[in-house]
Structure formats: C-alpha cells, structure tokens
C-alpha cells in the first residue's frame, strides 16, 4: 500500500468527521431555547393553621400506616 493512498484515506475520514461536526453544531444551534422567565410561578398562598390539639401516638401510627 502506498503512502499516498493512506494520506488520502486519512484526509477523507477527517473531512467527513468535520462535515458531521458542522452539521451537529448547526442542528444544536437551530433548536429553540427555553426562556426561564417565561413561566413565572404564581404567588404562594399561606397554609391555613391546623388544629392546635396534639395527636395521639395511635393516630400518628394510623396516618403512617395509611401512607404506606
């Protein structure tokens, strides 16, 4: 195999890789960019206070069991 054909193959592979890299860069640049300020969160409302009575241990166990 001659030196010329090896150099030609390397140049061809490099050229193809360069074209692919350019195409990927163009594709990424054409994708829409999301605006982080477009959808602002609404105003938070304060949570209503709960009853001031304390829960018993049995009530807490029931709540935990219901969540499982």
PDB file of N, CA and C in Angstrom:
ATOM      1  N   UNK A   1       0.852  -1.167   0.000  1.00  0.00           N
ATOM      2  CA  UNK A   1       0.000   0.000   0.000  1.00  0.00           C
ATOM      3  C   UNK A   1       0.901   1.234   0.000  1.00  0.00           C
ATOM      4  N   UNK A   2       0.587   2.174  -0.850  1.00  0.00           N
ATOM      5  CA  UNK A   2       1.456   3.338  -0.962  1.00  0.00           C
ATOM      6  C   UNK A   2       1.097   4.404   0.068  1.00  0.00           C
ATOM      7  N   UNK A   3       2.044   5.297   0.269  1.00  0.00           N
ATOM      8  CA  UNK A   3       1.871   6.349   1.258  1.00  0.00           C
ATOM      9  C   UNK A   3       0.760   7.311   0.832  1.00  0.00           C
ATOM     10  N   UNK A   4       0.600   7.503  -0.481  1.00  0.00           N
ATOM     11  CA  UNK A   4      -0.399   8.417  -0.998  1.00  0.00           C
ATOM     12  C   UNK A   4      -1.811   7.964  -0.644  1.00  0.00           C
ATOM     13  N   UNK A   5      -2.093   6.683  -0.770  1.00  0.00           N
ATOM     14  CA  UNK A   5      -3.450   6.205  -0.513  1.00  0.00           C
ATOM     15  C   UNK A   5      -3.788   6.289   0.981  1.00  0.00           C
ATOM     16  N   UNK A   6      -2.797   6.081   1.857  1.00  0.00           N
ATOM     17  CA  UNK A   6      -3.037   6.212   3.294  1.00  0.00           C
ATOM     18  C   UNK A   6      -3.370   7.662   3.648  1.00  0.00           C
ATOM     19  N   UNK A   7      -2.632   8.583   3.084  1.00  0.00           N
ATOM     20  CA  UNK A   7      -2.865  10.004   3.356  1.00  0.00           C
ATOM     21  C   UNK A   7      -4.234  10.409   2.827  1.00  0.00           C
ATOM     22  N   UNK A   8      -4.600   9.906   1.680  1.00  0.00           N
ATOM     23  CA  UNK A   8      -5.899  10.221   1.091  1.00  0.00           C
ATOM     24  C   UNK A   8      -7.039   9.704   1.951  1.00  0.00           C
ATOM     25  N   UNK A   9      -6.892   8.488   2.488  1.00  0.00           N
ATOM     26  CA  UNK A   9      -7.930   7.929   3.349  1.00  0.00           C
ATOM     27  C   UNK A   9      -8.060   8.731   4.646  1.00  0.00           C
ATOM     28  N   UNK A  10      -6.934   9.123   5.228  1.00  0.00           N
ATOM     29  CA  UNK A  10      -6.960   9.909   6.455  1.00  0.00           C
ATOM     30  C   UNK A  10      -7.623  11.260   6.200  1.00  0.00           C
ATOM     31  N   UNK A  11      -7.300  11.889   5.089  1.00  0.00           N
ATOM     32  CA  UNK A  11      -7.920  13.171   4.756  1.00  0.00           C
ATOM     33  C   UNK A  11      -9.420  13.014   4.515  1.00  0.00           C
ATOM     34  N   UNK A  12      -9.835  11.945   3.875  1.00  0.00           N
ATOM     35  CA  UNK A  12     -11.252  11.722   3.610  1.00  0.00           C
ATOM     36  C   UNK A  12     -12.017  11.509   4.912  1.00  0.00           C
ATOM     37  N   UNK A  13     -11.457  10.712   5.813  1.00  0.00           N
ATOM     38  CA  UNK A  13     -12.112  10.472   7.104  1.00  0.00           C
ATOM     39  C   UNK A  13     -12.179  11.779   7.906  1.00  0.00           C
ATOM     40  N   UNK A  14     -11.107  12.553   7.884  1.00  0.00           N
ATOM     41  CA  UNK A  14     -11.101  13.839   8.575  1.00  0.00           C
ATOM     42  C   UNK A  14     -12.123  14.811   8.000  1.00  0.00           C
ATOM     43  N   UNK A  15     -12.244  14.822   6.685  1.00  0.00           N
ATOM     44  CA  UNK A  15     -13.218  15.693   6.030  1.00  0.00           C
ATOM     45  C   UNK A  15     -14.643  15.288   6.390  1.00  0.00           C
ATOM     46  N   UNK A  16     -14.921  14.004   6.376  1.00  0.00           N
ATOM     47  CA  UNK A  16     -16.260  13.512   6.742  1.00  0.00           C
ATOM     48  C   UNK A  16     -16.562  13.846   8.201  1.00  0.00           C
ATOM     49  N   UNK A  17     -15.582  13.647   9.086  1.00  0.00           N
ATOM     50  CA  UNK A  17     -15.791  13.955  10.504  1.00  0.00           C
ATOM     51  C   UNK A  17     -16.043  15.451  10.698  1.00  0.00           C
ATOM     52  N   UNK A  18     -15.341  16.287   9.953  1.00  0.00           N
ATOM     53  CA  UNK A  18     -15.549  17.731  10.043  1.00  0.00           C
ATOM     54  C   UNK A  18     -16.940  18.143   9.581  1.00  0.00           C
ATOM     55  N   UNK A  19     -17.397  17.549   8.482  1.00  0.00           N
ATOM     56  CA  UNK A  19     -18.740  17.853   7.977  1.00  0.00           C
ATOM     57  C   UNK A  19     -19.797  17.411   8.986  1.00  0.00           C
ATOM     58  N   UNK A  20     -19.621  16.237   9.578  1.00  0.00           N
ATOM     59  CA  UNK A  20     -20.574  15.752  10.581  1.00  0.00           C
ATOM     60  C   UNK A  20     -20.585  16.695  11.787  1.00  0.00           C
ATOM     61  N   UNK A  21     -19.414  17.160  12.225  1.00  0.00           N
ATOM     62  CA  UNK A  21     -19.336  18.074  13.358  1.00  0.00           C
ATOM     63  C   UNK A  21     -20.049  19.389  13.052  1.00  0.00           C
ATOM     64  N   UNK A  22     -19.895  19.890  11.859  1.00  0.00           N
ATOM     65  CA  UNK A  22     -20.572  21.132  11.460  1.00  0.00           C
ATOM     66  C   UNK A  22     -22.081  20.930  11.428  1.00  0.00           C
ATOM     67  N   UNK A  23     -22.535  19.801  10.903  1.00  0.00           N
ATOM     68  CA  UNK A  23     -23.974  19.529  10.844  1.00  0.00           C
ATOM     69  C   UNK A  23     -24.571  19.414  12.243  1.00  0.00           C
ATOM     70  N   UNK A  24     -23.859  18.758  13.164  1.00  0.00           N
ATOM     71  CA  UNK A  24     -24.353  18.633  14.536  1.00  0.00           C
ATOM     72  C   UNK A  24     -24.415  20.004  15.202  1.00  0.00           C
ATOM     73  N   UNK A  25     -23.408  20.842  14.976  1.00  0.00           N
ATOM     74  CA  UNK A  25     -23.399  22.186  15.554  1.00  0.00           C
ATOM     75  C   UNK A  25     -24.560  23.020  15.008  1.00  0.00           C
ATOM     76  N   UNK A  26     -24.834  22.903  13.716  1.00  0.00           N
ATOM     77  CA  UNK A  26     -25.953  23.640  13.121  1.00  0.00           C
ATOM     78  C   UNK A  26     -27.284  23.142  13.673  1.00  0.00           C
ATOM     79  N   UNK A  27     -27.409  21.839  13.864  1.00  0.00           N
ATOM     80  CA  UNK A  27     -28.655  21.272  14.407  1.00  0.00           C
ATOM     81  C   UNK A  27     -28.887  21.754  15.831  1.00  0.00           C
ATOM     82  N   UNK A  28     -27.828  21.754  16.662  1.00  0.00           N
ATOM     83  CA  UNK A  28     -27.967  22.215  18.044  1.00  0.00           C
ATOM     84  C   UNK A  28     -28.303  23.702  18.094  1.00  0.00           C
ATOM     85  N   UNK A  29     -27.725  24.491  17.194  1.00  0.00           N
ATOM     86  CA  UNK A  29     -27.983  25.926  17.184  1.00  0.00           C
ATOM     87  C   UNK A  29     -29.409  26.239  16.735  1.00  0.00           C
ATOM     88  N   UNK A  30     -30.026  25.358  15.965  1.00  0.00           N
ATOM     89  CA  UNK A  30     -31.371  25.625  15.448  1.00  0.00           C
ATOM     90  C   UNK A  30     -32.464  25.222  16.427  1.00  0.00           C
ATOM     91  N   UNK A  31     -32.111  24.512  17.504  1.00  0.00           N
ATOM     92  CA  UNK A  31     -33.119  24.104  18.477  1.00  0.00           C
ATOM     93  C   UNK A  31     -33.602  25.322  19.257  1.00  0.00           C
ATOM     94  N   UNK A  32     -34.901  25.386  19.591  1.00  0.00           N
ATOM     95  CA  UNK A  32     -35.396  26.539  20.344  1.00  0.00           C
ATOM     96  C   UNK A  32     -34.831  26.571  21.764  1.00  0.00           C
ATOM     97  N   UNK A  33     -34.613  27.761  22.263  1.00  0.00           N
ATOM     98  CA  UNK A  33     -34.076  27.952  23.604  1.00  0.00           C
ATOM     99  C   UNK A  33     -35.234  28.302  24.525  1.00  0.00           C
ATOM    100  N   UNK A  34     -35.350  27.590  25.657  1.00  0.00           N
ATOM    101  CA  UNK A  34     -36.427  27.862  26.601  1.00  0.00           C
ATOM    102  C   UNK A  34     -36.074  29.085  27.435  1.00  0.00           C
ATOM    103  N   UNK A  35     -37.036  29.995  27.552  1.00  0.00           N
ATOM    104  CA  UNK A  35     -36.849  31.192  28.354  1.00  0.00           C
ATOM    105  C   UNK A  35     -37.200  30.871  29.801  1.00  0.00           C
ATOM    106  N   UNK A  36     -36.245  30.958  30.726  1.00  0.00           N
ATOM    107  CA  UNK A  36     -36.545  30.600  32.118  1.00  0.00           C
ATOM    108  C   UNK A  36     -37.526  31.562  32.776  1.00  0.00           C
ATOM    109  N   UNK A  37     -37.702  32.750  32.241  1.00  0.00           N
ATOM    110  CA  UNK A  37     -38.594  33.736  32.849  1.00  0.00           C
ATOM    111  C   UNK A  37     -39.981  33.707  32.220  1.00  0.00           C
ATOM    112  N   UNK A  38     -40.189  32.830  31.235  1.00  0.00           N
ATOM    113  CA  UNK A  38     -41.473  32.795  30.538  1.00  0.00           C
ATOM    114  C   UNK A  38     -42.616  32.354  31.455  1.00  0.00           C
ATOM    115  N   UNK A  39     -42.407  31.314  32.211  1.00  0.00           N
ATOM    116  CA  UNK A  39     -43.451  30.788  33.082  1.00  0.00           C
ATOM    117  C   UNK A  39     -43.091  31.079  34.538  1.00  0.00           C
ATOM    118  N   UNK A  40     -43.421  32.278  34.984  1.00  0.00           N
ATOM    119  CA  UNK A  40     -43.116  32.636  36.365  1.00  0.00           C
ATOM    120  C   UNK A  40     -44.091  31.941  37.305  1.00  0.00           C
ATOM    121  N   UNK A  41     -43.615  31.472  38.433  1.00  0.00           N
ATOM    122  CA  UNK A  41     -44.518  30.812  39.384  1.00  0.00           C
ATOM    123  C   UNK A  41     -45.499  31.809  39.978  1.00  0.00           C
ATOM    124  N   UNK A  42     -46.671  31.293  40.331  1.00  0.00           N
ATOM    125  CA  UNK A  42     -47.688  32.140  40.931  1.00  0.00           C
ATOM    126  C   UNK A  42     -47.330  32.517  42.361  1.00  0.00           C
ATOM    127  N   UNK A  43     -48.096  33.425  42.892  1.00  0.00           N
ATOM    128  CA  UNK A  43     -47.859  33.868  44.263  1.00  0.00           C
ATOM    129  C   UNK A  43     -48.306  32.761  45.214  1.00  0.00           C
ATOM    130  N   UNK A  44     -47.457  32.427  46.158  1.00  0.00           N
ATOM    131  CA  UNK A  44     -47.768  31.369  47.114  1.00  0.00           C
ATOM    132  C   UNK A  44     -48.762  31.894  48.146  1.00  0.00           C
ATOM    133  N   UNK A  45     -49.734  31.065  48.470  1.00  0.00           N
ATOM    134  CA  UNK A  45     -50.697  31.440  49.496  1.00  0.00           C
ATOM    135  C   UNK A  45     -50.307  30.764  50.804  1.00  0.00           C
ATOM    136  N   UNK A  46     -50.476  31.442  51.921  1.00  0.00           N
ATOM    137  CA  UNK A  46     -50.093  30.823  53.185  1.00  0.00           C
ATOM    138  C   UNK A  46     -51.010  29.646  53.525  1.00  0.00           C
ATOM    139  N   UNK A  47     -50.445  28.677  54.187  1.00  0.00           N
ATOM    140  CA  UNK A  47     -51.200  27.486  54.582  1.00  0.00           C
ATOM    141  C   UNK A  47     -52.062  27.811  55.795  1.00  0.00           C
ATOM    142  N   UNK A  48     -53.273  27.295  55.797  1.00  0.00           N
ATOM    143  CA  UNK A  48     -54.172  27.506  56.920  1.00  0.00           C
ATOM    144  C   UNK A  48     -53.630  26.786  58.155  1.00  0.00           C
ATOM    145  N   UNK A  49     -53.734  27.386  59.323  1.00  0.00           N
ATOM    146  CA  UNK A  49     -53.230  26.711  60.525  1.00  0.00           C
ATOM    147  C   UNK A  49     -54.067  25.473  60.853  1.00  0.00           C
ATOM    148  N   UNK A  50     -53.417  24.465  61.363  1.00  0.00           N
ATOM    149  CA  UNK A  50     -54.093  23.241  61.750  1.00  0.00           C
ATOM    150  C   UNK A  50     -54.652  23.389  63.161  1.00  0.00           C
ATOM    151  N   UNK A  51     -55.457  22.422  63.538  1.00  0.00           N
ATOM    152  CA  UNK A  51     -55.985  22.444  64.904  1.00  0.00           C
ATOM    153  C   UNK A  51     -54.819  22.438  65.889  1.00  0.00           C
ATOM    154  N   UNK A  52     -55.018  23.087  67.008  1.00  0.00           N
ATOM    155  CA  UNK A  52     -53.931  23.184  67.968  1.00  0.00           C
ATOM    156  C   UNK A  52     -53.835  21.950  68.869  1.00  0.00           C
ATOM    157  N   UNK A  53     -54.788  21.036  68.749  1.00  0.00           N
ATOM    158  CA  UNK A  53     -54.739  19.862  69.620  1.00  0.00           C
ATOM    159  C   UNK A  53     -53.618  18.940  69.163  1.00  0.00           C
ATOM    160  N   UNK A  54     -53.068  18.194  70.088  1.00  0.00           N
ATOM    161  CA  UNK A  54     -51.982  17.280  69.770  1.00  0.00           C
ATOM    162  C   UNK A  54     -52.559  15.926  69.397  1.00  0.00           C
ATOM    163  N   UNK A  55     -51.926  15.287  68.426  1.00  0.00           N
ATOM    164  CA  UNK A  55     -52.376  13.963  68.002  1.00  0.00           C
ATOM    165  C   UNK A  55     -51.797  12.913  68.942  1.00  0.00           C
ATOM    166  N   UNK A  56     -52.565  11.854  69.140  1.00  0.00           N
ATOM    167  CA  UNK A  56     -52.071  10.772  69.980  1.00  0.00           C
ATOM    168  C   UNK A  56     -51.126   9.887  69.178  1.00  0.00           C
ATOM    169  N   UNK A  57     -50.399   9.068  69.865  1.00  0.00           N
ATOM    170  CA  UNK A  57     -49.454   8.159  69.217  1.00  0.00           C
ATOM    171  C   UNK A  57     -50.202   7.215  68.287  1.00  0.00           C
ATOM    172  N   UNK A  58     -51.372   6.753  68.698  1.00  0.00           N
ATOM    173  CA  UNK A  58     -52.158   5.832  67.865  1.00  0.00           C
ATOM    174  C   UNK A  58     -52.613   6.513  66.576  1.00  0.00           C
ATOM    175  N   UNK A  59     -53.011   7.775  66.644  1.00  0.00           N
ATOM    176  CA  UNK A  59     -53.436   8.498  65.444  1.00  0.00           C
ATOM    177  C   UNK A  59     -52.265   8.663  64.475  1.00  0.00           C
ATOM    178  N   UNK A  60     -51.104   8.935  65.029  1.00  0.00           N
ATOM    179  CA  UNK A  60     -49.919   9.086  64.174  1.00  0.00           C
ATOM    180  C   UNK A  60     -49.572   7.762  63.513  1.00  0.00           C
ATOM    181  N   UNK A  61     -49.657   6.677  64.247  1.00  0.00           N
ATOM    182  CA  UNK A  61     -49.379   5.352  63.672  1.00  0.00           C
ATOM    183  C   UNK A  61     -50.367   5.028  62.562  1.00  0.00           C
ATOM    184  N   UNK A  62     -51.635   5.367  62.734  1.00  0.00           N
ATOM    185  CA  UNK A  62     -52.648   5.133  61.701  1.00  0.00           C
ATOM    186  C   UNK A  62     -52.340   5.936  60.444  1.00  0.00           C
ATOM    187  N   UNK A  63     -51.929   7.173  60.638  1.00  0.00           N
ATOM    188  CA  UNK A  63     -51.596   8.022  59.474  1.00  0.00           C
ATOM    189  C   UNK A  63     -50.407   7.434  58.723  1.00  0.00           C
ATOM    190  N   UNK A  64     -49.405   6.981  59.455  1.00  0.00           N
ATOM    191  CA  UNK A  64     -48.224   6.403  58.815  1.00  0.00           C
ATOM    192  C   UNK A  64     -48.585   5.122  58.073  1.00  0.00           C
ATOM    193  N   UNK A  65     -49.427   4.304  58.663  1.00  0.00           N
ATOM    194  CA  UNK A  65     -49.845   3.051  58.025  1.00  0.00           C
ATOM    195  C   UNK A  65     -50.659   3.338  56.766  1.00  0.00           C
ATOM    196  N   UNK A  66     -51.481   4.384  56.792  1.00  0.00           N
ATOM    197  CA  UNK A  66     -52.294   4.738  55.623  1.00  0.00           C
ATOM    198  C   UNK A  66     -51.417   5.214  54.458  1.00  0.00           C
ATOM    199  N   UNK A  67     -50.282   5.845  54.780  1.00  0.00           N
ATOM    200  CA  UNK A  67     -49.388   6.352  53.746  1.00  0.00           C
ATOM    201  C   UNK A  67     -48.591   5.245  53.077  1.00  0.00           C
ATOM    202  N   UNK A  68     -48.443   4.100  53.731  1.00  0.00           N
ATOM    203  CA  UNK A  68     -47.631   3.018  53.155  1.00  0.00           C
ATOM    204  C   UNK A  68     -48.350   2.340  52.078  1.00  0.00           C
TER     205      UNK A  68
END
